[in-house]
Amino acid sequence: MYTIEMAYARMRELQEMANRSRAHQPSAASKRAAKKRADKKR
């Protein structure tokens, strides 16, 4: 069974990986983050 807790834990893992990669390439990551925020508004 796939639970909300499992999905949330996976989301946190992905977020941490994204944060780690962001440190290595700040310009590309900030562009991606800006695009994600724009998509969420719609």
Protein backbone atom coordinates (compact mmCIF):
# COMPACT_ATOMS: atom_id res chain seq x y z
CA MET A 1 0.00 0.00 0.00
CA TYR A 2 1.27 3.44 -0.94
CA THR A 3 0.48 5.97 1.74
CA ILE A 4 0.48 9.75 1.98
CA GLU A 5 3.40 9.45 4.40
CA MET A 6 5.42 7.50 1.83
CA ALA A 7 4.62 10.03 -0.87
CA TYR A 8 5.58 12.88 1.46
CA ALA A 9 8.88 11.18 2.40
CA ARG A 10 9.70 10.73 -1.30
CA MET A 11 8.85 14.37 -1.97
CA ARG A 12 11.22 15.43 0.83
CA GLU A 13 13.99 13.25 -0.64
CA LEU A 14 13.56 14.85 -4.04
CA GLN A 15 13.51 18.31 -2.46
CA GLU A 16 16.78 17.61 -0.63
CA MET A 17 18.41 16.34 -3.83
CA ALA A 18 17.24 19.46 -5.64
CA ASN A 19 18.64 21.65 -2.87
CA ARG A 20 22.00 19.88 -3.07
CA SER A 21 22.23 20.24 -6.85
CA ARG A 22 21.15 23.88 -6.57
CA ALA A 23 24.38 24.64 -4.69
CA HIS A 24 26.42 23.47 -7.69
CA GLN A 25 24.48 25.31 -10.39
CA PRO A 26 22.60 28.28 -8.90
CA SER A 27 21.61 30.04 -12.14
CA ALA A 28 19.96 27.01 -13.77
CA ALA A 29 18.23 26.03 -10.52
CA SER A 30 16.86 29.52 -9.91
CA LYS A 31 15.39 29.59 -13.42
CA ARG A 32 13.70 26.21 -12.78
CA ALA A 33 12.39 27.41 -9.42
CA ALA A 34 10.99 30.59 -10.98
CA LYS A 35 9.22 28.55 -13.67
CA LYS A 36 7.72 26.19 -11.05
CA ARG A 37 6.38 29.14 -9.05
CA ALA A 38 4.84 30.62 -12.23
CA ASP A 39 3.19 27.29 -13.07
CA LYS A 40 1.69 26.99 -9.58
CA LYS A 41 -0.01 30.38 -9.84
CA ARG A 42 -2.07 29.22 -12.83
